[in-house]
Amino acid sequence: MRILIADDSRVMRQIVIRTLRQAGFEGHELVEAADGRQAHDAVQSEKPDLVVCDWNMPEMTGIQVLGALRAAGNHVPFGFVTSECTAEMQNAAEAAGALFFIIKPFTPERFKEALSTVLG
C-alpha cells in the first residue's frame, strides 16, 4: 500500500511516519509532499492508496487539496492530521469526504483507531 504524507513541516512528516510504524502500519510505501500543490500533484502521479494531510499548508490548504481531488472525480481515501480543530473544520472535512481527523499531538493508538478501517 502506498501512503502519501503531506505536511509543510519535514519534522512533522517524519513524526507522522514514525507514528504510523508505531501504530503497526509498517511495510507500506511512503511518499511525502511539502505543500498542498505537491500533495495534489503527488496524488495524480503516485496514485497513493491513502492520503494523510495537514490542514494548513502553503500553495493549497489540505481542504483545498481534498476539494480539488473530489471535484476531479478522485476518491482516494483522505484524512487530516492537524494542530487546529474547530467544529467548522471537522464538519468541512467530513462534508468534503475526509475519513478521519487526527489532532496534534497524537498517539500511535489514535492513528491505529483512525486508520484501522481504512488500512485494515
C-alpha atoms as a PDB file:
ATOM      1  CA  MET A   1       0.000   0.000   0.000  1.00  0.00           C
ATOM      2  CA  ARG A   2       1.232   3.500  -0.857  1.00  0.00           C
ATOM      3  CA  ILE A   3       0.581   6.290   1.666  1.00  0.00           C
ATOM      4  CA  LEU A   4       1.080   9.984   0.878  1.00  0.00           C
ATOM      5  CA  ILE A   5       2.109  12.119   3.876  1.00  0.00           C
ATOM      6  CA  ALA A   6       1.510  15.827   3.182  1.00  0.00           C
ATOM      7  CA  ASP A   7       2.757  18.439   5.645  1.00  0.00           C
ATOM      8  CA  ASP A   8       4.806  21.595   5.158  1.00  0.00           C
ATOM      9  CA  SER A   9       6.999  20.619   8.123  1.00  0.00           C
ATOM     10  CA  ARG A  10       9.615  17.980   7.304  1.00  0.00           C
ATOM     11  CA  VAL A  11       9.897  17.175  11.007  1.00  0.00           C
ATOM     12  CA  MET A  12       6.148  16.627  11.268  1.00  0.00           C
ATOM     13  CA  ARG A  13       6.193  14.335   8.221  1.00  0.00           C
ATOM     14  CA  GLN A  14       8.866  12.267   9.962  1.00  0.00           C
ATOM     15  CA  ILE A  15       6.815  12.183  13.188  1.00  0.00           C
ATOM     16  CA  VAL A  16       3.733  11.012  11.263  1.00  0.00           C
ATOM     17  CA  ILE A  17       5.799   8.310   9.546  1.00  0.00           C
ATOM     18  CA  ARG A  18       7.264   7.130  12.849  1.00  0.00           C
ATOM     19  CA  THR A  19       3.827   7.130  14.469  1.00  0.00           C
ATOM     20  CA  LEU A  20       2.361   5.098  11.595  1.00  0.00           C
ATOM     21  CA  ARG A  21       5.058   2.492  12.169  1.00  0.00           C
ATOM     22  CA  GLN A  22       4.475   2.519  15.934  1.00  0.00           C
ATOM     23  CA  ALA A  23       0.764   2.013  15.270  1.00  0.00           C
ATOM     24  CA  GLY A  24       1.581  -1.162  13.378  1.00  0.00           C
ATOM     25  CA  PHE A  25       1.322   0.181   9.827  1.00  0.00           C
ATOM     26  CA  GLU A  26       4.770  -0.949   8.731  1.00  0.00           C
ATOM     27  CA  GLY A  27       5.858  -2.108   5.325  1.00  0.00           C
ATOM     28  CA  HIS A  28       3.851   0.449   3.386  1.00  0.00           C
ATOM     29  CA  GLU A  29       5.447   2.581   0.698  1.00  0.00           C
ATOM     30  CA  LEU A  30       5.523   6.183   1.895  1.00  0.00           C
ATOM     31  CA  VAL A  31       5.525   9.249  -0.333  1.00  0.00           C
ATOM     32  CA  GLU A  32       5.974  12.784   1.025  1.00  0.00           C
ATOM     33  CA  ALA A  33       4.689  16.177  -0.082  1.00  0.00           C
ATOM     34  CA  ALA A  34       5.869  19.501   1.375  1.00  0.00           C
ATOM     35  CA  ASP A  35       2.875  21.664   0.435  1.00  0.00           C
ATOM     36  CA  GLY A  36      -0.652  21.430  -0.859  1.00  0.00           C
ATOM     37  CA  ARG A  37       0.251  21.745  -4.537  1.00  0.00           C
ATOM     38  CA  GLN A  38       2.829  18.952  -4.203  1.00  0.00           C
ATOM     39  CA  ALA A  39       0.220  16.828  -2.409  1.00  0.00           C
ATOM     40  CA  HIS A  40      -2.339  17.376  -5.156  1.00  0.00           C
ATOM     41  CA  ASP A  41       0.206  16.601  -7.877  1.00  0.00           C
ATOM     42  CA  ALA A  42       1.533  13.540  -5.996  1.00  0.00           C
ATOM     43  CA  VAL A  43      -1.951  12.045  -5.823  1.00  0.00           C
ATOM     44  CA  GLN A  44      -2.076  12.278  -9.614  1.00  0.00           C
ATOM     45  CA  SER A  45       1.430  10.921 -10.242  1.00  0.00           C
ATOM     46  CA  GLU A  46       1.963   8.485  -7.364  1.00  0.00           C
ATOM     47  CA  LYS A  47      -1.586   7.064  -7.121  1.00  0.00           C
ATOM     48  CA  PRO A  48      -1.497   6.572  -3.333  1.00  0.00           C
ATOM     49  CA  ASP A  49      -3.946   4.274  -1.568  1.00  0.00           C
ATOM     50  CA  LEU A  50      -4.274   6.775   1.302  1.00  0.00           C
ATOM     51  CA  VAL A  51      -3.528  10.468   1.872  1.00  0.00           C
ATOM     52  CA  VAL A  52      -2.645  11.757   5.359  1.00  0.00           C
ATOM     53  CA  CYS A  53      -2.676  15.545   5.062  1.00  0.00           C
ATOM     54  CA  ASP A  54      -2.073  18.620   7.194  1.00  0.00           C
ATOM     55  CA  TRP A  55      -4.780  21.298   7.076  1.00  0.00           C
ATOM     56  CA  ASN A  56      -2.649  24.460   6.895  1.00  0.00           C
ATOM     57  CA  MET A  57      -0.035  24.354   4.149  1.00  0.00           C
ATOM     58  CA  PRO A  58       1.298  26.789   1.543  1.00  0.00           C
ATOM     59  CA  GLU A  59       0.147  26.736  -2.086  1.00  0.00           C
ATOM     60  CA  MET A  60      -3.094  24.886  -1.262  1.00  0.00           C
ATOM     61  CA  THR A  61      -4.580  24.068   2.126  1.00  0.00           C
ATOM     62  CA  GLY A  62      -5.440  20.480   2.897  1.00  0.00           C
ATOM     63  CA  ILE A  63      -9.157  21.109   2.474  1.00  0.00           C
ATOM     64  CA  GLN A  64      -8.463  22.743  -0.904  1.00  0.00           C
ATOM     65  CA  VAL A  65      -6.463  19.670  -1.956  1.00  0.00           C
ATOM     66  CA  LEU A  66      -9.312  17.387  -0.920  1.00  0.00           C
ATOM     67  CA  GLY A  67     -11.885  19.569  -2.675  1.00  0.00           C
ATOM     68  CA  ALA A  68      -9.865  19.672  -5.902  1.00  0.00           C
ATOM     69  CA  LEU A  69      -9.380  15.907  -5.868  1.00  0.00           C
ATOM     70  CA  ARG A  70     -13.074  15.227  -5.292  1.00  0.00           C
ATOM     71  CA  ALA A  71     -14.080  17.771  -7.964  1.00  0.00           C
ATOM     72  CA  ALA A  72     -11.844  15.882 -10.413  1.00  0.00           C
ATOM     73  CA  GLY A  73     -13.532  12.593  -9.515  1.00  0.00           C
ATOM     74  CA  ASN A  74     -10.631  11.244  -7.435  1.00  0.00           C
ATOM     75  CA  HIS A  75     -11.906   9.368  -4.375  1.00  0.00           C
ATOM     76  CA  VAL A  76      -8.609   8.312  -2.776  1.00  0.00           C
ATOM     77  CA  PRO A  77      -9.110   7.706   0.975  1.00  0.00           C
ATOM     78  CA  PHE A  78      -8.113  11.000   2.609  1.00  0.00           C
ATOM     79  CA  GLY A  79      -7.758  12.208   6.191  1.00  0.00           C
ATOM     80  CA  PHE A  80      -6.326  15.074   8.157  1.00  0.00           C
ATOM     81  CA  VAL A  81      -3.623  15.326  10.812  1.00  0.00           C
ATOM     82  CA  THR A  82      -3.657  18.886  12.088  1.00  0.00           C
ATOM     83  CA  SER A  83      -2.981  21.055  15.130  1.00  0.00           C
ATOM     84  CA  GLU A  84      -6.123  23.117  14.668  1.00  0.00           C
ATOM     85  CA  CYS A  85      -9.517  21.694  15.356  1.00  0.00           C
ATOM     86  CA  THR A  86     -12.800  23.522  15.258  1.00  0.00           C
ATOM     87  CA  ALA A  87     -16.246  22.092  14.737  1.00  0.00           C
ATOM     88  CA  GLU A  88     -16.375  24.002  11.447  1.00  0.00           C
ATOM     89  CA  MET A  89     -13.125  22.382  10.268  1.00  0.00           C
ATOM     90  CA  GLN A  90     -14.304  18.919  11.217  1.00  0.00           C
ATOM     91  CA  ASN A  91     -17.660  19.497   9.519  1.00  0.00           C
ATOM     92  CA  ALA A  92     -15.969  20.820   6.366  1.00  0.00           C
ATOM     93  CA  ALA A  93     -13.605  17.835   6.302  1.00  0.00           C
ATOM     94  CA  GLU A  94     -16.448  15.365   6.709  1.00  0.00           C
ATOM     95  CA  ALA A  95     -18.590  17.124   4.105  1.00  0.00           C
ATOM     96  CA  ALA A  96     -15.681  17.044   1.641  1.00  0.00           C
ATOM     97  CA  GLY A  97     -15.229  13.319   2.158  1.00  0.00           C
ATOM     98  CA  ALA A  98     -12.414  13.042   4.707  1.00  0.00           C
ATOM     99  CA  LEU A  99     -12.384   9.714   6.520  1.00  0.00           C
ATOM    100  CA  PHE A 100     -10.601  10.835   9.670  1.00  0.00           C
ATOM    101  CA  PHE A 101      -9.437  13.919  11.568  1.00  0.00           C
ATOM    102  CA  ILE A 102      -6.459  13.366  13.891  1.00  0.00           C
ATOM    103  CA  ILE A 103      -5.462  16.244  16.156  1.00  0.00           C
ATOM    104  CA  LYS A 104      -1.823  17.007  17.044  1.00  0.00           C
ATOM    105  CA  PRO A 105      -0.323  15.965  19.362  1.00  0.00           C
ATOM    106  CA  PHE A 106      -1.347  12.409  18.583  1.00  0.00           C
ATOM    107  CA  THR A 107      -0.517   8.901  19.713  1.00  0.00           C
ATOM    108  CA  PRO A 108       0.069   5.646  17.856  1.00  0.00           C
ATOM    109  CA  GLU A 109      -3.198   4.439  19.376  1.00  0.00           C
ATOM    110  CA  ARG A 110      -5.104   7.319  17.800  1.00  0.00           C
ATOM    111  CA  PHE A 111      -3.583   6.508  14.410  1.00  0.00           C
ATOM    112  CA  LYS A 112      -4.453   2.840  14.845  1.00  0.00           C
ATOM    113  CA  GLU A 113      -8.039   3.733  15.733  1.00  0.00           C
ATOM    114  CA  ALA A 114      -8.466   6.222  12.864  1.00  0.00           C
ATOM    115  CA  LEU A 115      -6.750   4.157  10.183  1.00  0.00           C
ATOM    116  CA  SER A 116      -7.849   0.637  11.082  1.00  0.00           C
ATOM    117  CA  THR A 117     -10.965   0.860   8.927  1.00  0.00           C
ATOM    118  CA  VAL A 118      -9.011   2.460   6.066  1.00  0.00           C
ATOM    119  CA  LEU A 119      -5.960   0.192   6.103  1.00  0.00           C
ATOM    120  CA  GLY A 120      -7.494  -2.940   7.543  1.00  0.00           C
END
